[in-house]
Amino acid sequence: MENVKILAVVGMSGSGKSVVVNHLTEKGYPKVYFGGMIYKEMEKRGIERTEDGSSEKEFREMIRATEGADWVVRQVIEEVHDLIGAGQKRIILDGVYSWTEYKTLKHEFPGRLTFLAVVVDKNLRYARVARRPERAFDAKAIRERDQSEIENLEKGGPIAAADYYVLNNGTVDETCEQVDGVLKEIDF
Protein backbone atom coordinates (compact mmCIF):
# COMPACT_ATOMS: atom_id res chain seq x y z
CA MET A 1 0.00 0.00 0.00
CA GLU A 2 2.98 2.25 -0.48
CA ASN A 3 2.05 5.78 -1.61
CA VAL A 4 -1.67 5.02 -1.39
CA LYS A 5 -3.86 7.90 -0.25
CA ILE A 6 -7.56 7.75 0.48
CA LEU A 7 -9.84 10.78 0.77
CA ALA A 8 -13.15 10.21 2.56
CA VAL A 9 -15.83 12.83 1.83
CA VAL A 10 -18.41 13.27 4.60
CA GLY A 11 -21.32 15.61 5.27
CA MET A 12 -25.01 15.80 5.99
CA SER A 13 -27.62 15.24 3.28
CA GLY A 14 -27.62 18.21 0.94
CA SER A 15 -24.24 19.52 2.05
CA GLY A 16 -22.69 19.13 -1.40
CA LYS A 17 -20.87 15.81 -1.03
CA SER A 18 -21.96 14.78 -4.52
CA VAL A 19 -20.65 18.03 -6.01
CA VAL A 20 -17.27 17.41 -4.37
CA VAL A 21 -17.15 13.72 -5.28
CA ASN A 22 -18.14 14.46 -8.90
CA HIS A 23 -15.36 17.05 -9.08
CA LEU A 24 -12.89 14.44 -7.83
CA THR A 25 -14.06 11.65 -10.12
CA GLU A 26 -13.84 14.05 -13.09
CA LYS A 27 -10.14 14.31 -12.21
CA GLY A 28 -9.94 10.53 -12.72
CA TYR A 29 -9.96 9.32 -9.13
CA PRO A 30 -11.97 6.15 -8.55
CA LYS A 31 -14.63 6.26 -5.85
CA VAL A 32 -16.18 3.75 -3.55
CA TYR A 33 -19.73 4.76 -2.67
CA PHE A 34 -21.04 3.65 0.73
CA GLY A 35 -24.67 3.96 -0.39
CA GLY A 36 -23.84 1.73 -3.33
CA MET A 37 -23.21 -1.15 -0.93
CA ILE A 38 -26.74 -0.71 0.38
CA TYR A 39 -28.22 -0.51 -3.14
CA LYS A 40 -26.34 -3.63 -4.27
CA GLU A 41 -27.53 -5.64 -1.27
CA MET A 42 -31.11 -4.40 -1.65
CA GLU A 43 -31.06 -5.51 -5.29
CA LYS A 44 -29.60 -8.89 -4.31
CA ARG A 45 -32.46 -9.38 -1.85
CA GLY A 46 -35.13 -8.16 -4.26
CA ILE A 47 -35.99 -5.03 -2.26
CA GLU A 48 -37.15 -2.14 -4.40
CA ARG A 49 -35.88 1.38 -3.83
CA THR A 50 -38.66 3.86 -3.16
CA GLU A 51 -38.71 7.36 -4.60
CA ASP A 52 -38.79 8.97 -1.16
CA GLY A 53 -35.79 6.95 0.04
CA SER A 54 -37.72 5.26 2.85
CA SER A 55 -36.88 1.71 1.74
CA GLU A 56 -33.19 2.61 1.62
CA LYS A 57 -33.32 4.18 5.10
CA GLU A 58 -35.14 1.17 6.56
CA PHE A 59 -32.77 -1.29 4.90
CA ARG A 60 -29.66 0.68 5.93
CA GLU A 61 -30.76 0.68 9.56
CA MET A 62 -31.86 -2.98 9.41
CA ILE A 63 -28.62 -4.27 7.86
CA ARG A 64 -26.54 -2.44 10.46
CA ALA A 65 -28.74 -3.83 13.25
CA THR A 66 -28.66 -7.44 11.96
CA GLU A 67 -25.21 -7.70 10.32
CA GLY A 68 -23.34 -5.24 12.54
CA ALA A 69 -22.71 -1.52 12.51
CA ASP A 70 -19.61 -2.22 10.43
CA TRP A 71 -21.35 -4.18 7.64
CA VAL A 72 -21.16 -1.41 5.04
CA VAL A 73 -17.59 -0.46 5.86
CA ARG A 74 -16.47 -4.10 5.55
CA GLN A 75 -17.82 -4.11 1.98
CA VAL A 76 -16.11 -0.78 1.29
CA ILE A 77 -12.76 -2.00 2.65
CA GLU A 78 -12.93 -5.01 0.34
CA GLU A 79 -13.51 -2.73 -2.68
CA VAL A 80 -10.69 -0.39 -1.63
CA HIS A 81 -8.27 -3.33 -1.35
CA ASP A 82 -9.40 -4.48 -4.81
CA LEU A 83 -8.64 -1.01 -6.22
CA ILE A 84 -5.24 -0.96 -4.51
CA GLY A 85 -4.55 -4.44 -5.90
CA ALA A 86 -5.38 -3.09 -9.36
CA GLY A 87 -2.74 -0.38 -8.92
CA GLN A 88 -4.82 2.59 -7.79
CA LYS A 89 -2.88 5.01 -5.58
CA ARG A 90 -5.59 7.66 -4.96
CA ILE A 91 -9.10 6.61 -3.94
CA ILE A 92 -12.21 8.57 -2.95
CA LEU A 93 -14.66 7.29 -0.33
CA ASP A 94 -18.12 8.73 -0.78
CA GLY A 95 -20.45 8.85 2.20
CA VAL A 96 -18.93 7.52 5.42
CA TYR A 97 -21.98 7.48 7.68
CA SER A 98 -21.06 6.41 11.16
CA TRP A 99 -18.50 6.75 13.90
CA THR A 100 -18.00 2.97 13.72
CA GLU A 101 -17.14 3.29 10.02
CA TYR A 102 -14.79 6.18 10.75
CA LYS A 103 -12.90 4.22 13.43
CA THR A 104 -12.78 1.06 11.30
CA LEU A 105 -11.33 2.94 8.34
CA LYS A 106 -8.77 4.78 10.48
CA HIS A 107 -7.65 1.38 11.85
CA GLU A 108 -7.57 -0.30 8.42
CA PHE A 109 -5.69 2.49 6.61
CA PRO A 110 -3.47 4.20 9.20
CA GLY A 111 -1.63 7.22 7.81
CA ARG A 112 -3.29 6.86 4.41
CA LEU A 113 -6.74 8.29 5.11
CA THR A 114 -7.87 11.91 5.19
CA PHE A 115 -11.41 13.02 6.01
CA LEU A 116 -12.89 16.00 4.19
CA ALA A 117 -16.20 17.34 5.54
CA VAL A 118 -18.47 19.35 3.28
CA VAL A 119 -20.54 21.77 5.33
CA VAL A 120 -23.13 24.41 4.51
CA ASP A 121 -25.36 26.71 6.51
CA LYS A 122 -28.44 24.76 7.54
CA ASN A 123 -31.06 27.02 5.94
CA LEU A 124 -29.17 27.01 2.64
CA ARG A 125 -28.80 23.22 2.82
CA TYR A 126 -32.53 22.81 3.45
CA ALA A 127 -33.35 25.08 0.50
CA ARG A 128 -31.00 23.14 -1.79
CA VAL A 129 -32.44 19.79 -0.73
CA ALA A 130 -35.96 21.06 -1.40
CA ARG A 131 -34.93 22.01 -4.99
CA ARG A 132 -33.15 18.76 -5.86
CA PRO A 133 -34.56 17.07 -8.96
CA GLU A 134 -34.16 13.65 -7.31
CA ARG A 135 -35.09 12.83 -3.71
CA ALA A 136 -36.17 16.33 -2.77
CA PHE A 137 -37.24 16.79 0.85
CA ASP A 138 -39.26 19.51 2.50
CA ALA A 139 -37.90 21.14 5.67
CA LYS A 140 -39.78 18.76 7.98
CA ALA A 141 -38.52 15.67 6.12
CA ILE A 142 -34.91 16.84 6.07
CA ARG A 143 -35.02 17.64 9.80
CA GLU A 144 -36.33 14.13 10.44
CA ARG A 145 -33.62 12.66 8.19
CA ASP A 146 -30.93 14.69 9.98
CA GLN A 147 -32.19 13.47 13.35
CA SER A 148 -32.30 9.85 12.18
CA GLU A 149 -28.81 9.98 10.65
CA ILE A 150 -27.33 11.64 13.73
CA GLU A 151 -29.08 9.45 16.32
CA ASN A 152 -29.36 6.11 14.53
CA LEU A 153 -26.26 6.16 12.32
CA GLU A 154 -23.86 8.30 14.38
CA LYS A 155 -23.27 10.49 11.31
CA GLY A 156 -22.08 13.54 13.25
CA GLY A 157 -18.86 11.95 14.52
CA PRO A 158 -17.00 11.67 11.19
CA ILE A 159 -18.01 15.23 10.31
CA ALA A 160 -16.85 16.58 13.67
CA ALA A 161 -13.55 14.66 13.47
CA ALA A 162 -12.75 15.55 9.84
CA ASP A 163 -9.23 16.65 8.97
CA TYR A 164 -10.41 19.40 6.58
CA TYR A 165 -13.62 21.34 5.99
CA VAL A 166 -15.02 22.86 2.83
CA LEU A 167 -17.71 25.50 3.32
CA ASN A 168 -20.18 25.08 0.48
CA ASN A 169 -22.19 28.30 0.85
CA GLY A 170 -21.13 29.71 -2.53
CA THR A 171 -20.93 28.50 -6.10
CA VAL A 172 -19.84 25.08 -7.32
CA ASP A 173 -16.65 26.65 -8.68
CA GLU A 174 -15.85 28.20 -5.30
CA THR A 175 -16.38 24.87 -3.56
CA CYS A 176 -14.22 23.04 -6.10
CA GLU A 177 -11.44 25.63 -5.63
CA GLN A 178 -11.47 24.88 -1.89
CA VAL A 179 -11.30 21.14 -2.61
CA ASP A 180 -8.37 21.65 -4.98
CA GLY A 181 -6.61 23.58 -2.21
CA VAL A 182 -7.03 20.62 0.13
CA LEU A 183 -5.77 18.21 -2.54
CA LYS A 184 -2.65 20.33 -2.99
CA GLU A 185 -2.09 20.55 0.76
CA ILE A 186 -2.29 16.77 1.26
CA ASP A 187 -0.39 16.00 -1.98
CA PHE A 188 -3.27 13.97 -3.34
C-alpha atoms as a PDB file:
ATOM      1  CA  MET A   1       0.000   0.000   0.000  1.00  0.00           C
ATOM      2  CA  GLU A   2       2.980   2.249  -0.476  1.00  0.00           C
ATOM      3  CA  ASN A   3       2.051   5.782  -1.610  1.00  0.00           C
ATOM      4  CA  VAL A   4      -1.673   5.021  -1.395  1.00  0.00           C
ATOM      5  CA  LYS A   5      -3.864   7.905  -0.246  1.00  0.00           C
ATOM      6  CA  ILE A   6      -7.561   7.755   0.477  1.00  0.00           C
ATOM      7  CA  LEU A   7      -9.836  10.777   0.773  1.00  0.00           C
ATOM      8  CA  ALA A   8     -13.151  10.207   2.560  1.00  0.00           C
ATOM      9  CA  VAL A   9     -15.832  12.826   1.831  1.00  0.00           C
ATOM     10  CA  VAL A  10     -18.410  13.274   4.597  1.00  0.00           C
ATOM     11  CA  GLY A  11     -21.323  15.613   5.274  1.00  0.00           C
ATOM     12  CA  MET A  12     -25.008  15.801   5.986  1.00  0.00           C
ATOM     13  CA  SER A  13     -27.621  15.240   3.284  1.00  0.00           C
ATOM     14  CA  GLY A  14     -27.620  18.214   0.937  1.00  0.00           C
ATOM     15  CA  SER A  15     -24.239  19.522   2.048  1.00  0.00           C
ATOM     16  CA  GLY A  16     -22.693  19.127  -1.396  1.00  0.00           C
ATOM     17  CA  LYS A  17     -20.867  15.812  -1.028  1.00  0.00           C
ATOM     18  CA  SER A  18     -21.955  14.779  -4.522  1.00  0.00           C
ATOM     19  CA  VAL A  19     -20.650  18.031  -6.010  1.00  0.00           C
ATOM     20  CA  VAL A  20     -17.266  17.408  -4.373  1.00  0.00           C
ATOM     21  CA  VAL A  21     -17.150  13.717  -5.283  1.00  0.00           C
ATOM     22  CA  ASN A  22     -18.145  14.459  -8.898  1.00  0.00           C
ATOM     23  CA  HIS A  23     -15.356  17.048  -9.084  1.00  0.00           C
ATOM     24  CA  LEU A  24     -12.887  14.442  -7.827  1.00  0.00           C
ATOM     25  CA  THR A  25     -14.058  11.651 -10.125  1.00  0.00           C
ATOM     26  CA  GLU A  26     -13.839  14.047 -13.091  1.00  0.00           C
ATOM     27  CA  LYS A  27     -10.140  14.308 -12.214  1.00  0.00           C
ATOM     28  CA  GLY A  28      -9.945  10.529 -12.716  1.00  0.00           C
ATOM     29  CA  TYR A  29      -9.956   9.319  -9.135  1.00  0.00           C
ATOM     30  CA  PRO A  30     -11.973   6.146  -8.549  1.00  0.00           C
ATOM     31  CA  LYS A  31     -14.628   6.265  -5.854  1.00  0.00           C
ATOM     32  CA  VAL A  32     -16.179   3.754  -3.546  1.00  0.00           C
ATOM     33  CA  TYR A  33     -19.735   4.762  -2.674  1.00  0.00           C
ATOM     34  CA  PHE A  34     -21.041   3.651   0.726  1.00  0.00           C
ATOM     35  CA  GLY A  35     -24.666   3.963  -0.388  1.00  0.00           C
ATOM     36  CA  GLY A  36     -23.836   1.733  -3.333  1.00  0.00           C
ATOM     37  CA  MET A  37     -23.210  -1.147  -0.932  1.00  0.00           C
ATOM     38  CA  ILE A  38     -26.745  -0.709   0.379  1.00  0.00           C
ATOM     39  CA  TYR A  39     -28.216  -0.508  -3.140  1.00  0.00           C
ATOM     40  CA  LYS A  40     -26.343  -3.634  -4.273  1.00  0.00           C
ATOM     41  CA  GLU A  41     -27.526  -5.637  -1.274  1.00  0.00           C
ATOM     42  CA  MET A  42     -31.111  -4.402  -1.654  1.00  0.00           C
ATOM     43  CA  GLU A  43     -31.064  -5.508  -5.290  1.00  0.00           C
ATOM     44  CA  LYS A  44     -29.600  -8.888  -4.307  1.00  0.00           C
ATOM     45  CA  ARG A  45     -32.459  -9.381  -1.853  1.00  0.00           C
ATOM     46  CA  GLY A  46     -35.133  -8.164  -4.265  1.00  0.00           C
ATOM     47  CA  ILE A  47     -35.990  -5.034  -2.260  1.00  0.00           C
ATOM     48  CA  GLU A  48     -37.151  -2.141  -4.396  1.00  0.00           C
ATOM     49  CA  ARG A  49     -35.883   1.378  -3.831  1.00  0.00           C
ATOM     50  CA  THR A  50     -38.656   3.861  -3.158  1.00  0.00           C
ATOM     51  CA  GLU A  51     -38.708   7.361  -4.604  1.00  0.00           C
ATOM     52  CA  ASP A  52     -38.788   8.966  -1.162  1.00  0.00           C
ATOM     53  CA  GLY A  53     -35.787   6.949   0.041  1.00  0.00           C
ATOM     54  CA  SER A  54     -37.717   5.263   2.850  1.00  0.00           C
ATOM     55  CA  SER A  55     -36.879   1.710   1.743  1.00  0.00           C
ATOM     56  CA  GLU A  56     -33.186   2.607   1.619  1.00  0.00           C
ATOM     57  CA  LYS A  57     -33.319   4.182   5.095  1.00  0.00           C
ATOM     58  CA  GLU A  58     -35.135   1.168   6.562  1.00  0.00           C
ATOM     59  CA  PHE A  59     -32.773  -1.295   4.898  1.00  0.00           C
ATOM     60  CA  ARG A  60     -29.655   0.676   5.930  1.00  0.00           C
ATOM     61  CA  GLU A  61     -30.762   0.682   9.556  1.00  0.00           C
ATOM     62  CA  MET A  62     -31.863  -2.979   9.412  1.00  0.00           C
ATOM     63  CA  ILE A  63     -28.618  -4.268   7.862  1.00  0.00           C
ATOM     64  CA  ARG A  64     -26.542  -2.442  10.463  1.00  0.00           C
ATOM     65  CA  ALA A  65     -28.740  -3.835  13.248  1.00  0.00           C
ATOM     66  CA  THR A  66     -28.661  -7.435  11.961  1.00  0.00           C
ATOM     67  CA  GLU A  67     -25.212  -7.700  10.324  1.00  0.00           C
ATOM     68  CA  GLY A  68     -23.342  -5.244  12.545  1.00  0.00           C
ATOM     69  CA  ALA A  69     -22.711  -1.521  12.514  1.00  0.00           C
ATOM     70  CA  ASP A  70     -19.608  -2.215  10.426  1.00  0.00           C
ATOM     71  CA  TRP A  71     -21.347  -4.180   7.639  1.00  0.00           C
ATOM     72  CA  VAL A  72     -21.158  -1.406   5.040  1.00  0.00           C
ATOM     73  CA  VAL A  73     -17.591  -0.461   5.861  1.00  0.00           C
ATOM     74  CA  ARG A  74     -16.472  -4.099   5.554  1.00  0.00           C
ATOM     75  CA  GLN A  75     -17.818  -4.110   1.980  1.00  0.00           C
ATOM     76  CA  VAL A  76     -16.107  -0.777   1.285  1.00  0.00           C
ATOM     77  CA  ILE A  77     -12.759  -1.999   2.653  1.00  0.00           C
ATOM     78  CA  GLU A  78     -12.926  -5.012   0.343  1.00  0.00           C
ATOM     79  CA  GLU A  79     -13.508  -2.731  -2.682  1.00  0.00           C
ATOM     80  CA  VAL A  80     -10.693  -0.389  -1.629  1.00  0.00           C
ATOM     81  CA  HIS A  81      -8.275  -3.325  -1.351  1.00  0.00           C
ATOM     82  CA  ASP A  82      -9.398  -4.481  -4.814  1.00  0.00           C
ATOM     83  CA  LEU A  83      -8.635  -1.006  -6.221  1.00  0.00           C
ATOM     84  CA  ILE A  84      -5.236  -0.959  -4.515  1.00  0.00           C
ATOM     85  CA  GLY A  85      -4.548  -4.437  -5.898  1.00  0.00           C
ATOM     86  CA  ALA A  86      -5.380  -3.087  -9.357  1.00  0.00           C
ATOM     87  CA  GLY A  87      -2.740  -0.380  -8.924  1.00  0.00           C
ATOM     88  CA  GLN A  88      -4.821   2.594  -7.791  1.00  0.00           C
ATOM     89  CA  LYS A  89      -2.880   5.013  -5.580  1.00  0.00           C
ATOM     90  CA  ARG A  90      -5.589   7.658  -4.959  1.00  0.00           C
ATOM     91  CA  ILE A  91      -9.104   6.610  -3.936  1.00  0.00           C
ATOM     92  CA  ILE A  92     -12.209   8.569  -2.951  1.00  0.00           C
ATOM     93  CA  LEU A  93     -14.662   7.288  -0.334  1.00  0.00           C
ATOM     94  CA  ASP A  94     -18.122   8.734  -0.779  1.00  0.00           C
ATOM     95  CA  GLY A  95     -20.453   8.852   2.198  1.00  0.00           C
ATOM     96  CA  VAL A  96     -18.934   7.522   5.420  1.00  0.00           C
ATOM     97  CA  TYR A  97     -21.982   7.481   7.679  1.00  0.00           C
ATOM     98  CA  SER A  98     -21.062   6.412  11.163  1.00  0.00           C
ATOM     99  CA  TRP A  99     -18.500   6.746  13.903  1.00  0.00           C
ATOM    100  CA  THR A 100     -18.001   2.974  13.719  1.00  0.00           C
ATOM    101  CA  GLU A 101     -17.137   3.287  10.024  1.00  0.00           C
ATOM    102  CA  TYR A 102     -14.786   6.177  10.751  1.00  0.00           C
ATOM    103  CA  LYS A 103     -12.899   4.220  13.435  1.00  0.00           C
ATOM    104  CA  THR A 104     -12.776   1.064  11.302  1.00  0.00           C
ATOM    105  CA  LEU A 105     -11.332   2.943   8.335  1.00  0.00           C
ATOM    106  CA  LYS A 106      -8.770   4.777  10.483  1.00  0.00           C
ATOM    107  CA  HIS A 107      -7.652   1.381  11.852  1.00  0.00           C
ATOM    108  CA  GLU A 108      -7.568  -0.303   8.423  1.00  0.00           C
ATOM    109  CA  PHE A 109      -5.691   2.485   6.612  1.00  0.00           C
ATOM    110  CA  PRO A 110      -3.467   4.200   9.197  1.00  0.00           C
ATOM    111  CA  GLY A 111      -1.630   7.217   7.809  1.00  0.00           C
ATOM    112  CA  ARG A 112      -3.293   6.864   4.405  1.00  0.00           C
ATOM    113  CA  LEU A 113      -6.737   8.286   5.110  1.00  0.00           C
ATOM    114  CA  THR A 114      -7.867  11.909   5.186  1.00  0.00           C
ATOM    115  CA  PHE A 115     -11.409  13.017   6.013  1.00  0.00           C
ATOM    116  CA  LEU A 116     -12.893  16.004   4.186  1.00  0.00           C
ATOM    117  CA  ALA A 117     -16.197  17.338   5.540  1.00  0.00           C
ATOM    118  CA  VAL A 118     -18.473  19.350   3.276  1.00  0.00           C
ATOM    119  CA  VAL A 119     -20.545  21.767   5.331  1.00  0.00           C
ATOM    120  CA  VAL A 120     -23.128  24.412   4.506  1.00  0.00           C
ATOM    121  CA  ASP A 121     -25.358  26.709   6.510  1.00  0.00           C
ATOM    122  CA  LYS A 122     -28.444  24.755   7.541  1.00  0.00           C
ATOM    123  CA  ASN A 123     -31.055  27.023   5.941  1.00  0.00           C
ATOM    124  CA  LEU A 124     -29.172  27.012   2.644  1.00  0.00           C
ATOM    125  CA  ARG A 125     -28.799  23.224   2.822  1.00  0.00           C
ATOM    126  CA  TYR A 126     -32.532  22.808   3.449  1.00  0.00           C
ATOM    127  CA  ALA A 127     -33.351  25.078   0.501  1.00  0.00           C
ATOM    128  CA  ARG A 128     -31.002  23.144  -1.790  1.00  0.00           C
ATOM    129  CA  VAL A 129     -32.442  19.793  -0.731  1.00  0.00           C
ATOM    130  CA  ALA A 130     -35.963  21.061  -1.396  1.00  0.00           C
ATOM    131  CA  ARG A 131     -34.935  22.008  -4.989  1.00  0.00           C
ATOM    132  CA  ARG A 132     -33.151  18.763  -5.859  1.00  0.00           C
ATOM    133  CA  PRO A 133     -34.560  17.069  -8.956  1.00  0.00           C
ATOM    134  CA  GLU A 134     -34.159  13.645  -7.309  1.00  0.00           C
ATOM    135  CA  ARG A 135     -35.091  12.832  -3.714  1.00  0.00           C
ATOM    136  CA  ALA A 136     -36.174  16.326  -2.772  1.00  0.00           C
ATOM    137  CA  PHE A 137     -37.236  16.787   0.850  1.00  0.00           C
ATOM    138  CA  ASP A 138     -39.259  19.510   2.499  1.00  0.00           C
ATOM    139  CA  ALA A 139     -37.898  21.139   5.673  1.00  0.00           C
ATOM    140  CA  LYS A 140     -39.775  18.757   7.983  1.00  0.00           C
ATOM    141  CA  ALA A 141     -38.524  15.667   6.125  1.00  0.00           C
ATOM    142  CA  ILE A 142     -34.909  16.844   6.070  1.00  0.00           C
ATOM    143  CA  ARG A 143     -35.021  17.642   9.804  1.00  0.00           C
ATOM    144  CA  GLU A 144     -36.326  14.125  10.439  1.00  0.00           C
ATOM    145  CA  ARG A 145     -33.622  12.655   8.194  1.00  0.00           C
ATOM    146  CA  ASP A 146     -30.935  14.689   9.980  1.00  0.00           C
ATOM    147  CA  GLN A 147     -32.188  13.470  13.346  1.00  0.00           C
ATOM    148  CA  SER A 148     -32.302   9.854  12.181  1.00  0.00           C
ATOM    149  CA  GLU A 149     -28.815   9.982  10.648  1.00  0.00           C
ATOM    150  CA  ILE A 150     -27.326  11.638  13.732  1.00  0.00           C
ATOM    151  CA  GLU A 151     -29.085   9.449  16.323  1.00  0.00           C
ATOM    152  CA  ASN A 152     -29.360   6.106  14.527  1.00  0.00           C
ATOM    153  CA  LEU A 153     -26.264   6.165  12.315  1.00  0.00           C
ATOM    154  CA  GLU A 154     -23.862   8.297  14.376  1.00  0.00           C
ATOM    155  CA  LYS A 155     -23.273  10.489  11.305  1.00  0.00           C
ATOM    156  CA  GLY A 156     -22.084  13.540  13.248  1.00  0.00           C
ATOM    157  CA  GLY A 157     -18.862  11.950  14.518  1.00  0.00           C
ATOM    158  CA  PRO A 158     -17.002  11.671  11.192  1.00  0.00           C
ATOM    159  CA  ILE A 159     -18.014  15.232  10.313  1.00  0.00           C
ATOM    160  CA  ALA A 160     -16.852  16.583  13.671  1.00  0.00           C
ATOM    161  CA  ALA A 161     -13.554  14.664  13.472  1.00  0.00           C
ATOM    162  CA  ALA A 162     -12.750  15.548   9.843  1.00  0.00           C
ATOM    163  CA  ASP A 163      -9.232  16.651   8.966  1.00  0.00           C
ATOM    164  CA  TYR A 164     -10.411  19.401   6.576  1.00  0.00           C
ATOM    165  CA  TYR A 165     -13.618  21.343   5.995  1.00  0.00           C
ATOM    166  CA  VAL A 166     -15.023  22.857   2.834  1.00  0.00           C
ATOM    167  CA  LEU A 167     -17.710  25.499   3.317  1.00  0.00           C
ATOM    168  CA  ASN A 168     -20.179  25.077   0.480  1.00  0.00           C
ATOM    169  CA  ASN A 169     -22.187  28.296   0.848  1.00  0.00           C
ATOM    170  CA  GLY A 170     -21.135  29.706  -2.531  1.00  0.00           C
ATOM    171  CA  THR A 171     -20.928  28.503  -6.099  1.00  0.00           C
ATOM    172  CA  VAL A 172     -19.843  25.076  -7.318  1.00  0.00           C
ATOM    173  CA  ASP A 173     -16.650  26.647  -8.685  1.00  0.00           C
ATOM    174  CA  GLU A 174     -15.845  28.203  -5.303  1.00  0.00           C
ATOM    175  CA  THR A 175     -16.383  24.875  -3.564  1.00  0.00           C
ATOM    176  CA  CYS A 176     -14.217  23.040  -6.097  1.00  0.00           C
ATOM    177  CA  GLU A 177     -11.440  25.626  -5.628  1.00  0.00           C
ATOM    178  CA  GLN A 178     -11.470  24.883  -1.895  1.00  0.00           C
ATOM    179  CA  VAL A 179     -11.302  21.143  -2.612  1.00  0.00           C
ATOM    180  CA  ASP A 180      -8.370  21.654  -4.983  1.00  0.00           C
ATOM    181  CA  GLY A 181      -6.605  23.585  -2.215  1.00  0.00           C
ATOM    182  CA  VAL A 182      -7.027  20.619   0.132  1.00  0.00           C
ATOM    183  CA  LEU A 183      -5.767  18.207  -2.536  1.00  0.00           C
ATOM    184  CA  LYS A 184      -2.649  20.329  -2.990  1.00  0.00           C
ATOM    185  CA  GLU A 185      -2.087  20.547   0.760  1.00  0.00           C
ATOM    186  CA  ILE A 186      -2.293  16.774   1.256  1.00  0.00           C
ATOM    187  CA  ASP A 187      -0.388  16.004  -1.979  1.00  0.00           C
ATOM    188  CA  PHE A 188      -3.266  13.971  -3.344  1.00  0.00           C
END
